[in-house]
C-alpha atoms as a PDB file:
ATOM      1  CA  MET A   1     -42.258 -57.633  49.901  1.00  0.00           C
ATOM      2  CA  SER A   2     -38.813 -56.425  49.015  1.00  0.00           C
ATOM      3  CA  ALA A   3     -37.336 -54.925  45.849  1.00  0.00           C
ATOM      4  CA  SER A   4     -33.917 -53.593  44.850  1.00  0.00           C
ATOM      5  CA  LEU A   5     -34.046 -50.185  43.096  1.00  0.00           C
ATOM      6  CA  GLN A   6     -30.995 -49.310  41.039  1.00  0.00           C
ATOM      7  CA  ALA A   7     -30.641 -46.238  38.734  1.00  0.00           C
ATOM      8  CA  PRO A   8     -29.668 -46.729  35.205  1.00  0.00           C
ATOM      9  CA  GLY A   9     -25.957 -46.624  34.401  1.00  0.00           C
ATOM     10  CA  THR A  10     -24.939 -47.829  37.881  1.00  0.00           C
ATOM     11  CA  VAL A  11     -23.247 -50.867  39.229  1.00  0.00           C
ATOM     12  CA  ALA A  12     -24.177 -52.401  42.566  1.00  0.00           C
ATOM     13  CA  LEU A  13     -21.344 -52.979  45.013  1.00  0.00           C
ATOM     14  CA  ALA A  14     -22.640 -56.467  45.675  1.00  0.00           C
ATOM     15  CA  ASP A  15     -22.170 -57.388  42.073  1.00  0.00           C
ATOM     16  CA  SER A  16     -18.701 -55.911  41.632  1.00  0.00           C
ATOM     17  CA  ALA A  17     -17.002 -58.472  43.961  1.00  0.00           C
ATOM     18  CA  ALA A  18     -18.028 -61.332  41.680  1.00  0.00           C
ATOM     19  CA  ARG A  19     -17.309 -59.553  38.368  1.00  0.00           C
ATOM     20  CA  PRO A  20     -13.980 -60.410  36.714  1.00  0.00           C
ATOM     21  CA  ARG A  21     -11.586 -57.556  36.446  1.00  0.00           C
ATOM     22  CA  VAL A  22     -10.630 -58.229  32.787  1.00  0.00           C
ATOM     23  CA  SER A  23     -13.214 -58.679  30.119  1.00  0.00           C
ATOM     24  CA  TRP A  24     -11.494 -59.857  26.950  1.00  0.00           C
ATOM     25  CA  PRO A  25     -14.647 -59.885  24.715  1.00  0.00           C
ATOM     26  CA  ALA A  26     -15.062 -56.242  25.623  1.00  0.00           C
ATOM     27  CA  ILE A  27     -11.345 -55.544  24.850  1.00  0.00           C
ATOM     28  CA  PHE A  28     -11.742 -57.338  21.520  1.00  0.00           C
ATOM     29  CA  ALA A  29     -14.792 -55.192  20.646  1.00  0.00           C
ATOM     30  CA  GLY A  30     -12.896 -52.109  21.584  1.00  0.00           C
ATOM     31  CA  VAL A  31      -9.928 -53.003  19.425  1.00  0.00           C
ATOM     32  CA  VAL A  32     -12.210 -53.629  16.496  1.00  0.00           C
ATOM     33  CA  LEU A  33     -13.957 -50.346  16.982  1.00  0.00           C
ATOM     34  CA  ALA A  34     -10.649 -48.461  17.388  1.00  0.00           C
ATOM     35  CA  VAL A  35      -9.231 -49.955  14.173  1.00  0.00           C
ATOM     36  CA  ALA A  36     -12.392 -49.294  12.249  1.00  0.00           C
ATOM     37  CA  VAL A  37     -12.570 -45.647  13.429  1.00  0.00           C
ATOM     38  CA  GLU A  38      -8.926 -45.096  12.604  1.00  0.00           C
ATOM     39  CA  ALA A  39      -9.348 -46.580   9.064  1.00  0.00           C
ATOM     40  CA  ALA A  40     -12.393 -44.440   8.393  1.00  0.00           C
ATOM     41  CA  LEU A  41     -10.618 -41.281   9.605  1.00  0.00           C
ATOM     42  CA  GLY A  42      -7.486 -42.269   7.509  1.00  0.00           C
ATOM     43  CA  MET A  43      -9.630 -42.531   4.422  1.00  0.00           C
ATOM     44  CA  LEU A  44     -11.272 -39.209   5.124  1.00  0.00           C
ATOM     45  CA  GLY A  45      -7.758 -37.663   5.626  1.00  0.00           C
ATOM     46  CA  ALA A  46      -6.474 -39.249   2.444  1.00  0.00           C
ATOM     47  CA  GLY A  47      -9.451 -37.735   0.543  1.00  0.00           C
ATOM     48  CA  ILE A  48      -8.812 -34.282   1.998  1.00  0.00           C
ATOM     49  CA  GLY A  49      -5.049 -34.548   1.338  1.00  0.00           C
ATOM     50  CA  LEU A  50      -5.462 -35.703  -2.308  1.00  0.00           C
ATOM     51  CA  GLY A  51      -7.849 -32.847  -2.835  1.00  0.00           C
ATOM     52  CA  LEU A  52      -5.499 -30.292  -1.557  1.00  0.00           C
ATOM     53  CA  ALA A  53      -2.577 -31.796  -3.557  1.00  0.00           C
ATOM     54  CA  ALA A  54      -4.150 -30.897  -6.907  1.00  0.00           C
ATOM     55  CA  PRO A  55      -1.392 -29.766  -9.204  1.00  0.00           C
ATOM     56  CA  ALA A  56      -3.353 -26.624 -10.087  1.00  0.00           C
ATOM     57  CA  GLN A  57      -3.184 -25.429  -6.515  1.00  0.00           C
ATOM     58  CA  ASN A  58       0.581 -25.801  -6.241  1.00  0.00           C
ATOM     59  CA  PRO A  59       0.629 -27.502  -2.810  1.00  0.00           C
ATOM     60  CA  ASP A  60       3.480 -27.134  -0.320  1.00  0.00           C
ATOM     61  CA  ALA A  61       5.046 -30.521   0.432  1.00  0.00           C
ATOM     62  CA  ALA A  62       6.160 -29.553   3.961  1.00  0.00           C
ATOM     63  CA  THR A  63       2.636 -28.164   4.690  1.00  0.00           C
ATOM     64  CA  LEU A  64       0.996 -31.307   3.488  1.00  0.00           C
ATOM     65  CA  GLY A  65       3.422 -33.532   5.544  1.00  0.00           C
ATOM     66  CA  THR A  66       2.747 -31.594   8.691  1.00  0.00           C
ATOM     67  CA  GLY A  67      -0.974 -31.578   8.086  1.00  0.00           C
ATOM     68  CA  GLY A  68      -0.902 -35.391   7.425  1.00  0.00           C
ATOM     69  CA  ALA A  69       1.079 -36.020  10.625  1.00  0.00           C
ATOM     70  CA  ILE A  70      -1.369 -33.917  12.725  1.00  0.00           C
ATOM     71  CA  TRP A  71      -4.347 -35.717  11.023  1.00  0.00           C
ATOM     72  CA  ALA A  72      -2.886 -39.078  11.815  1.00  0.00           C
ATOM     73  CA  LEU A  73      -2.284 -38.236  15.468  1.00  0.00           C
ATOM     74  CA  ALA A  74      -5.795 -36.762  15.841  1.00  0.00           C
ATOM     75  CA  SER A  75      -7.360 -39.779  14.238  1.00  0.00           C
ATOM     76  CA  THR A  76      -5.365 -42.148  16.418  1.00  0.00           C
ATOM     77  CA  VAL A  77      -6.449 -40.233  19.555  1.00  0.00           C
ATOM     78  CA  ILE A  78     -10.208 -40.291  18.536  1.00  0.00           C
ATOM     79  CA  ALA A  79     -10.102 -44.017  17.693  1.00  0.00           C
ATOM     80  CA  LEU A  80      -8.498 -44.947  20.993  1.00  0.00           C
ATOM     81  CA  LEU A  81     -10.813 -42.804  22.878  1.00  0.00           C
ATOM     82  CA  ALA A  82     -13.828 -44.526  21.235  1.00  0.00           C
ATOM     83  CA  GLY A  83     -12.502 -47.982  21.454  1.00  0.00           C
ATOM     84  CA  SER A  84     -11.378 -47.718  25.044  1.00  0.00           C
ATOM     85  CA  TYR A  85     -14.682 -46.087  26.114  1.00  0.00           C
ATOM     86  CA  ALA A  86     -16.684 -48.807  24.402  1.00  0.00           C
ATOM     87  CA  ALA A  87     -14.543 -51.616  25.910  1.00  0.00           C
ATOM     88  CA  ALA A  88     -14.741 -50.206  29.403  1.00  0.00           C
ATOM     89  CA  ARG A  89     -18.512 -49.510  29.137  1.00  0.00           C
ATOM     90  CA  LEU A  90     -19.284 -52.907  27.739  1.00  0.00           C
ATOM     91  CA  ALA A  91     -17.200 -54.629  30.480  1.00  0.00           C
ATOM     92  CA  GLY A  92     -19.039 -52.697  33.155  1.00  0.00           C
ATOM     93  CA  ILE A  93     -15.854 -51.600  34.963  1.00  0.00           C
ATOM     94  CA  PRO A  94     -16.683 -50.735  38.531  1.00  0.00           C
ATOM     95  CA  THR A  95     -13.593 -48.694  39.310  1.00  0.00           C
ATOM     96  CA  ARG A  96     -11.796 -45.888  37.457  1.00  0.00           C
ATOM     97  CA  PHE A  97      -8.379 -47.679  37.780  1.00  0.00           C
ATOM     98  CA  ASP A  98      -9.676 -50.766  36.074  1.00  0.00           C
ATOM     99  CA  GLY A  99     -11.111 -48.634  33.278  1.00  0.00           C
ATOM    100  CA  VAL A 100      -7.722 -47.009  32.749  1.00  0.00           C
ATOM    101  CA  LEU A 101      -6.089 -50.436  32.601  1.00  0.00           C
ATOM    102  CA  HIS A 102      -8.599 -51.734  30.076  1.00  0.00           C
ATOM    103  CA  GLY A 103      -7.897 -48.568  27.948  1.00  0.00           C
ATOM    104  CA  LEU A 104      -4.150 -49.227  28.077  1.00  0.00           C
ATOM    105  CA  VAL A 105      -4.693 -52.844  26.949  1.00  0.00           C
ATOM    106  CA  ILE A 106      -6.834 -51.552  24.065  1.00  0.00           C
ATOM    107  CA  TRP A 107      -3.868 -49.208  23.150  1.00  0.00           C
ATOM    108  CA  ALA A 108      -1.341 -52.059  23.333  1.00  0.00           C
ATOM    109  CA  VAL A 109      -3.344 -54.552  21.351  1.00  0.00           C
ATOM    110  CA  THR A 110      -4.273 -51.908  18.707  1.00  0.00           C
ATOM    111  CA  LEU A 111      -0.615 -50.916  18.377  1.00  0.00           C
ATOM    112  CA  LEU A 112       0.441 -54.541  17.974  1.00  0.00           C
ATOM    113  CA  PHE A 113      -2.244 -55.324  15.525  1.00  0.00           C
ATOM    114  CA  THR A 114      -1.555 -52.174  13.393  1.00  0.00           C
ATOM    115  CA  ALA A 115       2.184 -52.935  13.304  1.00  0.00           C
ATOM    116  CA  TRP A 116       1.480 -56.473  12.301  1.00  0.00           C
ATOM    117  CA  LEU A 117      -0.963 -55.378   9.667  1.00  0.00           C
ATOM    118  CA  LEU A 118       1.545 -52.862   8.153  1.00  0.00           C
ATOM    119  CA  THR A 119       4.395 -55.437   8.283  1.00  0.00           C
ATOM    120  CA  SER A 120       2.265 -57.990   6.600  1.00  0.00           C
ATOM    121  CA  ALA A 121       1.014 -55.642   3.869  1.00  0.00           C
ATOM    122  CA  ILE A 122       4.607 -54.326   3.164  1.00  0.00           C
ATOM    123  CA  GLY A 123       5.949 -57.866   3.133  1.00  0.00           C
ATOM    124  CA  GLY A 124       3.280 -59.011   0.758  1.00  0.00           C
ATOM    125  CA  VAL A 125       3.902 -56.137  -1.671  1.00  0.00           C
ATOM    126  CA  VAL A 126       7.743 -56.647  -1.519  1.00  0.00           C
ATOM    127  CA  GLY A 127       7.427 -60.384  -1.967  1.00  0.00           C
ATOM    128  CA  GLY A 128       4.994 -59.950  -4.888  1.00  0.00           C
ATOM    129  CA  ALA A 129       7.363 -57.530  -6.495  1.00  0.00           C
ATOM    130  CA  PHE A 130      10.371 -59.871  -6.314  1.00  0.00           C
ATOM    131  CA  SER A 131       8.233 -62.795  -7.465  1.00  0.00           C
ATOM    132  CA  LEU A 132       7.063 -60.753 -10.527  1.00  0.00           C
ATOM    133  CA  LEU A 133      10.660 -59.734 -11.263  1.00  0.00           C
ATOM    134  CA  GLY A 134      11.885 -63.290 -11.088  1.00  0.00           C
ATOM    135  CA  HIS A 135       9.194 -64.520 -13.385  1.00  0.00           C
ATOM    136  CA  THR A 136       9.994 -61.639 -15.813  1.00  0.00           C
ATOM    137  CA  LEU A 137      13.703 -62.373 -15.822  1.00  0.00           C
ATOM    138  CA  SER A 138      13.007 -66.090 -16.273  1.00  0.00           C
ATOM    139  CA  SER A 139      10.748 -65.420 -19.150  1.00  0.00           C
ATOM    140  CA  ALA A 140      13.225 -63.026 -20.714  1.00  0.00           C
ATOM    141  CA  GLY A 141      16.002 -65.555 -20.472  1.00  0.00           C
ATOM    142  CA  ALA A 142      13.887 -68.284 -22.025  1.00  0.00           C
ATOM    143  CA  THR A 143      12.880 -65.916 -24.876  1.00  0.00           C
ATOM    144  CA  ALA A 144      16.505 -64.929 -25.514  1.00  0.00           C
ATOM    145  CA  GLY A 145      17.624 -68.569 -25.443  1.00  0.00           C
ATOM    146  CA  SER A 146      14.919 -69.476 -27.999  1.00  0.00           C
ATOM    147  CA  ALA A 147      15.851 -66.710 -30.256  1.00  0.00           C
ATOM    148  CA  VAL A 148      19.546 -67.634 -30.237  1.00  0.00           C
ATOM    149  CA  SER A 149      18.663 -71.281 -30.906  1.00  0.00           C
ATOM    150  CA  ALA A 150      16.403 -70.222 -33.792  1.00  0.00           C
ATOM    151  CA  VAL A 151      19.033 -68.110 -35.546  1.00  0.00           C
ATOM    152  CA  LEU A 152      22.299 -70.131 -34.917  1.00  0.00           C
ATOM    153  CA  PRO A 153      22.871 -73.892 -35.155  1.00  0.00           C
ATOM    154  CA  HIS A 154      22.903 -75.704 -31.914  1.00  0.00           C
ATOM    155  CA  ASP A 155      26.698 -76.247 -32.017  1.00  0.00           C
ATOM    156  CA  ALA A 156      27.445 -72.651 -32.829  1.00  0.00           C
ATOM    157  CA  ALA A 157      25.216 -71.415 -30.062  1.00  0.00           C
ATOM    158  CA  SER A 158      26.929 -73.538 -27.485  1.00  0.00           C
ATOM    159  CA  ALA A 159      30.377 -72.532 -28.788  1.00  0.00           C
ATOM    160  CA  LEU A 160      29.559 -68.796 -28.715  1.00  0.00           C
ATOM    161  CA  PRO A 161      30.945 -68.082 -25.225  1.00  0.00           C
ATOM    162  CA  ASN A 162      34.236 -69.829 -26.096  1.00  0.00           C
ATOM    163  CA  ALA A 163      34.512 -67.815 -29.287  1.00  0.00           C
ATOM    164  CA  HIS A 164      33.999 -64.554 -27.304  1.00  0.00           C
ATOM    165  CA  ALA A 165      36.635 -65.523 -24.781  1.00  0.00           C
ATOM    166  CA  LEU A 166      39.078 -66.349 -27.638  1.00  0.00           C
ATOM    167  CA  GLU A 167      38.334 -62.926 -29.185  1.00  0.00           C
ATOM    168  CA  GLN A 168      39.189 -61.189 -25.931  1.00  0.00           C
ATOM    169  CA  GLN A 169      42.408 -63.099 -25.571  1.00  0.00           C
ATOM    170  CA  ALA A 170      43.378 -62.139 -29.149  1.00  0.00           C
ATOM    171  CA  ASP A 171      42.672 -58.549 -28.462  1.00  0.00           C
ATOM    172  CA  ARG A 172      44.960 -58.636 -25.429  1.00  0.00           C
ATOM    173  CA  LEU A 173      47.707 -60.398 -27.568  1.00  0.00           C
ATOM    174  CA  LEU A 174      47.423 -57.786 -30.250  1.00  0.00           C
ATOM    175  CA  ALA A 175      47.487 -54.793 -27.890  1.00  0.00           C
ATOM    176  CA  ALA A 176      50.786 -53.002 -27.767  1.00  0.00           C
ATOM    177  CA  PRO A 177      52.430 -52.811 -24.343  1.00  0.00           C
ATOM    178  CA  THR A 178      52.763 -49.401 -22.641  1.00  0.00           C
ATOM    179  CA  PRO A 179      56.243 -48.009 -23.315  1.00  0.00           C
ATOM    180  CA  GLN A 180      58.368 -47.703 -20.249  1.00  0.00           C
ATOM    181  CA  ASP A 181      60.286 -44.705 -21.529  1.00  0.00           C
ATOM    182  CA  PRO A 182      58.210 -41.627 -20.939  1.00  0.00           C
ATOM    183  CA  ALA A 183      59.683 -39.900 -24.020  1.00  0.00           C
ATOM    184  CA  ALA A 184      58.366 -42.779 -26.335  1.00  0.00           C
ATOM    185  CA  MET A 185      54.871 -42.671 -24.965  1.00  0.00           C
ATOM    186  CA  SER A 186      51.938 -41.368 -26.955  1.00  0.00           C
ATOM    187  CA  HIS A 187      49.363 -39.058 -25.186  1.00  0.00           C
ATOM    188  CA  ALA A 188      47.104 -41.991 -24.570  1.00  0.00           C
ATOM    189  CA  ASP A 189      49.962 -44.070 -23.135  1.00  0.00           C
ATOM    190  CA  ALA A 190      50.891 -41.204 -20.849  1.00  0.00           C
ATOM    191  CA  VAL A 191      47.363 -40.831 -19.604  1.00  0.00           C
ATOM    192  CA  LYS A 192      47.123 -44.621 -18.941  1.00  0.00           C
ATOM    193  CA  ALA A 193      50.509 -44.658 -17.113  1.00  0.00           C
ATOM    194  CA  ILE A 194      49.486 -41.722 -14.806  1.00  0.00           C
ATOM    195  CA  GLY A 195      46.112 -43.338 -14.095  1.00  0.00           C
ATOM    196  CA  GLU A 196      47.779 -46.618 -13.193  1.00  0.00           C
ATOM    197  CA  ALA A 197      50.232 -44.803 -10.813  1.00  0.00           C
ATOM    198  CA  LEU A 198      47.728 -42.480  -9.093  1.00  0.00           C
ATOM    199  CA  PRO A 199      46.232 -45.199  -6.762  1.00  0.00           C
ATOM    200  CA  ASP A 200      49.747 -45.904  -5.416  1.00  0.00           C
ATOM    201  CA  LEU A 201      50.334 -42.190  -4.983  1.00  0.00           C
ATOM    202  CA  MET A 202      47.146 -41.606  -3.012  1.00  0.00           C
ATOM    203  CA  ALA A 203      47.686 -44.769  -0.859  1.00  0.00           C
ATOM    204  CA  GLY A 204      50.934 -43.395   0.633  1.00  0.00           C
ATOM    205  CA  GLY A 205      53.817 -45.442   1.867  1.00  0.00           C
ATOM    206  CA  ASP A 206      56.743 -46.838  -0.045  1.00  0.00           C
ATOM    207  CA  ARG A 207      54.845 -47.182  -3.276  1.00  0.00           C
ATOM    208  CA  ALA A 208      53.890 -43.528  -3.228  1.00  0.00           C
ATOM    209  CA  GLN A 209      57.486 -42.467  -3.824  1.00  0.00           C
ATOM    210  CA  ALA A 210      57.903 -44.722  -6.743  1.00  0.00           C
ATOM    211  CA  ALA A 211      54.528 -43.556  -8.188  1.00  0.00           C
ATOM    212  CA  ARG A 212      55.519 -39.908  -7.659  1.00  0.00           C
ATOM    213  CA  GLN A 213      58.813 -40.438  -9.628  1.00  0.00           C
ATOM    214  CA  ARG A 214      56.991 -42.277 -12.407  1.00  0.00           C
ATOM    215  CA  ILE A 215      54.314 -39.550 -12.776  1.00  0.00           C
ATOM    216  CA  THR A 216      56.934 -36.739 -12.596  1.00  0.00           C
ATOM    217  CA  ALA A 217      58.926 -38.338 -15.383  1.00  0.00           C
ATOM    218  CA  VAL A 218      55.897 -38.828 -17.560  1.00  0.00           C
ATOM    219  CA  ILE A 219      54.790 -35.201 -17.136  1.00  0.00           C
ATOM    220  CA  ALA A 220      58.285 -33.820 -17.882  1.00  0.00           C
ATOM    221  CA  ALA A 221      58.629 -35.880 -21.046  1.00  0.00           C
ATOM    222  CA  GLN A 222      55.177 -35.268 -22.332  1.00  0.00           C
ATOM    223  CA  ALA A 223      55.020 -31.441 -21.509  1.00  0.00           C
ATOM    224  CA  HIS A 224      58.700 -30.878 -22.380  1.00  0.00           C
ATOM    225  CA  ILE A 225      59.448 -29.202 -18.980  1.00  0.00           C
ATOM    226  CA  SER A 226      62.049 -29.798 -16.326  1.00  0.00           C
ATOM    227  CA  GLN A 227      61.761 -32.214 -13.476  1.00  0.00           C
ATOM    228  CA  GLN A 228      61.236 -29.343 -11.110  1.00  0.00           C
ATOM    229  CA  GLU A 229      58.370 -27.933 -13.038  1.00  0.00           C
ATOM    230  CA  ALA A 230      56.800 -31.395 -13.367  1.00  0.00           C
ATOM    231  CA  GLN A 231      57.204 -31.908  -9.673  1.00  0.00           C
ATOM    232  CA  ALA A 232      55.481 -28.570  -9.016  1.00  0.00           C
ATOM    233  CA  ARG A 233      52.560 -29.537 -11.272  1.00  0.00           C
ATOM    234  CA  LEU A 234      52.242 -32.849  -9.504  1.00  0.00           C
ATOM    235  CA  ASN A 235      52.304 -31.197  -5.994  1.00  0.00           C
ATOM    236  CA  ALA A 236      49.602 -28.758  -7.125  1.00  0.00           C
ATOM    237  CA  ALA A 237      47.457 -31.625  -8.471  1.00  0.00           C
ATOM    238  CA  GLU A 238      47.990 -33.688  -5.397  1.00  0.00           C
ATOM    239  CA  GLN A 239      46.863 -30.835  -3.185  1.00  0.00           C
ATOM    240  CA  LYS A 240      43.669 -30.400  -5.248  1.00  0.00           C
ATOM    241  CA  LEU A 241      43.008 -34.244  -5.040  1.00  0.00           C
ATOM    242  CA  THR A 242      43.612 -34.177  -1.344  1.00  0.00           C
ATOM    243  CA  ALA A 243      41.227 -31.172  -0.879  1.00  0.00           C
ATOM    244  CA  MET A 244      38.605 -32.990  -3.029  1.00  0.00           C
ATOM    245  CA  LYS A 245      38.937 -36.133  -0.906  1.00  0.00           C
ATOM    246  CA  ASP A 246      38.670 -34.198   2.327  1.00  0.00           C
ATOM    247  CA  GLN A 247      35.677 -32.217   1.051  1.00  0.00           C
ATOM    248  CA  ALA A 248      33.892 -35.382   0.046  1.00  0.00           C
ATOM    249  CA  ALA A 249      34.663 -36.944   3.367  1.00  0.00           C
ATOM    250  CA  ALA A 250      33.250 -33.782   5.144  1.00  0.00           C
ATOM    251  CA  THR A 251      30.173 -33.894   2.979  1.00  0.00           C
ATOM    252  CA  ALA A 252      29.685 -37.581   3.788  1.00  0.00           C
ATOM    253  CA  ARG A 253      30.031 -36.956   7.540  1.00  0.00           C
ATOM    254  CA  HIS A 254      27.608 -34.057   7.303  1.00  0.00           C
ATOM    255  CA  ALA A 255      25.044 -36.108   5.451  1.00  0.00           C
ATOM    256  CA  ALA A 256      25.395 -38.893   8.017  1.00  0.00           C
ATOM    257  CA  ASP A 257      24.935 -36.425  10.898  1.00  0.00           C
ATOM    258  CA  ARG A 258      21.820 -35.036   9.149  1.00  0.00           C
ATOM    259  CA  VAL A 259      20.443 -38.560   8.701  1.00  0.00           C
ATOM    260  CA  ALA A 260      21.093 -39.456  12.343  1.00  0.00           C
ATOM    261  CA  SER A 261      19.600 -36.203  13.596  1.00  0.00           C
ATOM    262  CA  THR A 262      16.475 -36.739  11.434  1.00  0.00           C
ATOM    263  CA  ALA A 263      16.048 -40.391  12.568  1.00  0.00           C
ATOM    264  CA  SER A 264      16.513 -39.244  16.267  1.00  0.00           C
ATOM    265  CA  GLN A 265      13.777 -36.580  15.815  1.00  0.00           C
ATOM    266  CA  ALA A 266      11.520 -39.083  14.152  1.00  0.00           C
ATOM    267  CA  SER A 267      12.016 -41.542  16.994  1.00  0.00           C
ATOM    268  CA  PHE A 268      11.218 -38.954  19.654  1.00  0.00           C
ATOM    269  CA  LEU A 269       8.096 -37.800  17.655  1.00  0.00           C
ATOM    270  CA  ALA A 270       6.939 -41.319  17.287  1.00  0.00           C
ATOM    271  CA  PHE A 271       7.442 -41.949  21.095  1.00  0.00           C
ATOM    272  CA  ALA A 272       5.464 -38.773  21.811  1.00  0.00           C
ATOM    273  CA  GLY A 273       2.645 -39.945  19.522  1.00  0.00           C
ATOM    274  CA  LEU A 274       2.569 -43.318  21.192  1.00  0.00           C
ATOM    275  CA  LEU A 275       2.534 -41.657  24.659  1.00  0.00           C
ATOM    276  CA  ILE A 276      -0.366 -39.415  23.575  1.00  0.00           C
ATOM    277  CA  GLY A 277      -2.213 -42.417  22.296  1.00  0.00           C
ATOM    278  CA  ALA A 278      -1.813 -44.250  25.550  1.00  0.00           C
ATOM    279  CA  LEU A 279      -3.042 -41.271  27.477  1.00  0.00           C
ATOM    280  CA  ALA A 280      -6.092 -41.043  25.186  1.00  0.00           C
ATOM    281  CA  ALA A 281      -6.827 -44.727  25.732  1.00  0.00           C
ATOM    282  CA  ALA A 282      -6.519 -44.401  29.511  1.00  0.00           C
ATOM    283  CA  LEU A 283      -8.822 -41.354  29.400  1.00  0.00           C
ATOM    284  CA  GLY A 284     -11.396 -43.244  27.332  1.00  0.00           C
ATOM    285  CA  GLY A 285     -11.382 -46.167  29.728  1.00  0.00           C
ATOM    286  CA  ALA A 286     -11.644 -43.883  32.832  1.00  0.00           C
ATOM    287  CA  MET A 287     -14.556 -41.939  31.259  1.00  0.00           C
ATOM    288  CA  ALA A 288     -16.634 -45.151  30.866  1.00  0.00           C
ATOM    289  CA  ARG A 289     -16.633 -46.100  34.555  1.00  0.00           C
ATOM    290  CA  PRO A 290     -20.244 -46.285  35.614  1.00  0.00           C
ATOM    291  CA  ARG A 291     -21.328 -44.551  38.811  1.00  0.00           C
ATOM    292  CA  VAL A 292     -21.119 -47.031  41.639  1.00  0.00           C
ATOM    293  CA  VAL A 293     -23.955 -47.072  44.228  1.00  0.00           C
ATOM    294  CA  ALA A 294     -24.723 -49.364  47.091  1.00  0.00           C
ATOM    295  CA  ALA A 295     -27.625 -51.750  46.527  1.00  0.00           C
ATOM    296  CA  ARG A 296     -30.545 -50.541  48.587  1.00  0.00           C
ATOM    297  CA  THR A 297     -33.449 -52.779  49.613  1.00  0.00           C
ATOM    298  CA  TRP A 298     -36.876 -51.375  50.183  1.00  0.00           C
ATOM    299  CA  VAL A 299     -39.268 -53.333  52.378  1.00  0.00           C
ATOM    300  CA  SER A 300     -42.862 -52.860  52.043  1.00  0.00           C
END
């Protein structure tokens, strides 16, 4: 009489040769468990964060952001550990290396599933918002058209845009042209003439010289000063405009550098988080490896 004795939690070497190295049902179960654990821990963290963000407690936004990031990383690590351990344990992985590989597959599938889930949710929200906006604008346009049709006769309502265009044309015909002589200009005409010449002045080139002469003549005539004094005023104003333009360009470059630096730091932090998650998944799969013993046969 013979019997094979095997301790609980062990895998016989004779069975390991016939066992497939990849168990997709176990991987699917591990992914489901990892997503569920991460969702549960995320809800717990949201409850804690909302409790700390009570207005009466005057919370610090930076502290809450850092705490949220730490909680998200910790919950991801715990979820991947649990999912990878369960998958490797259910698959009955006979070697530690295969357990690590199962954990990495759990990490990859969970990452792709989470990314798809977030993308689908965001896409659904944005699509719903644009759809609602389109329906609202369509309804508003229909309501406005009905109101105009109710107040005006059909012929008058259809002729309204033409009447408006004719009114604008009549306004342009009645508007007095800007005098070319700076001495004959009103204050409003002088401001208009300088405003029309400033783009050519700032653009440089051949048009800048003509714009400079035009602005100088207007300033001299309106301020009752000499051409030299008007030229000095224009030079001072041009220096201020140049300084403002340079300052705006420097501010824009500084803001762009800050955005690029922040995006770079966020990318490195995200990569570090993904690497930590992969290590946690590999550790969970390695921990689930059962103790391998040789099958022993007792003869009695």
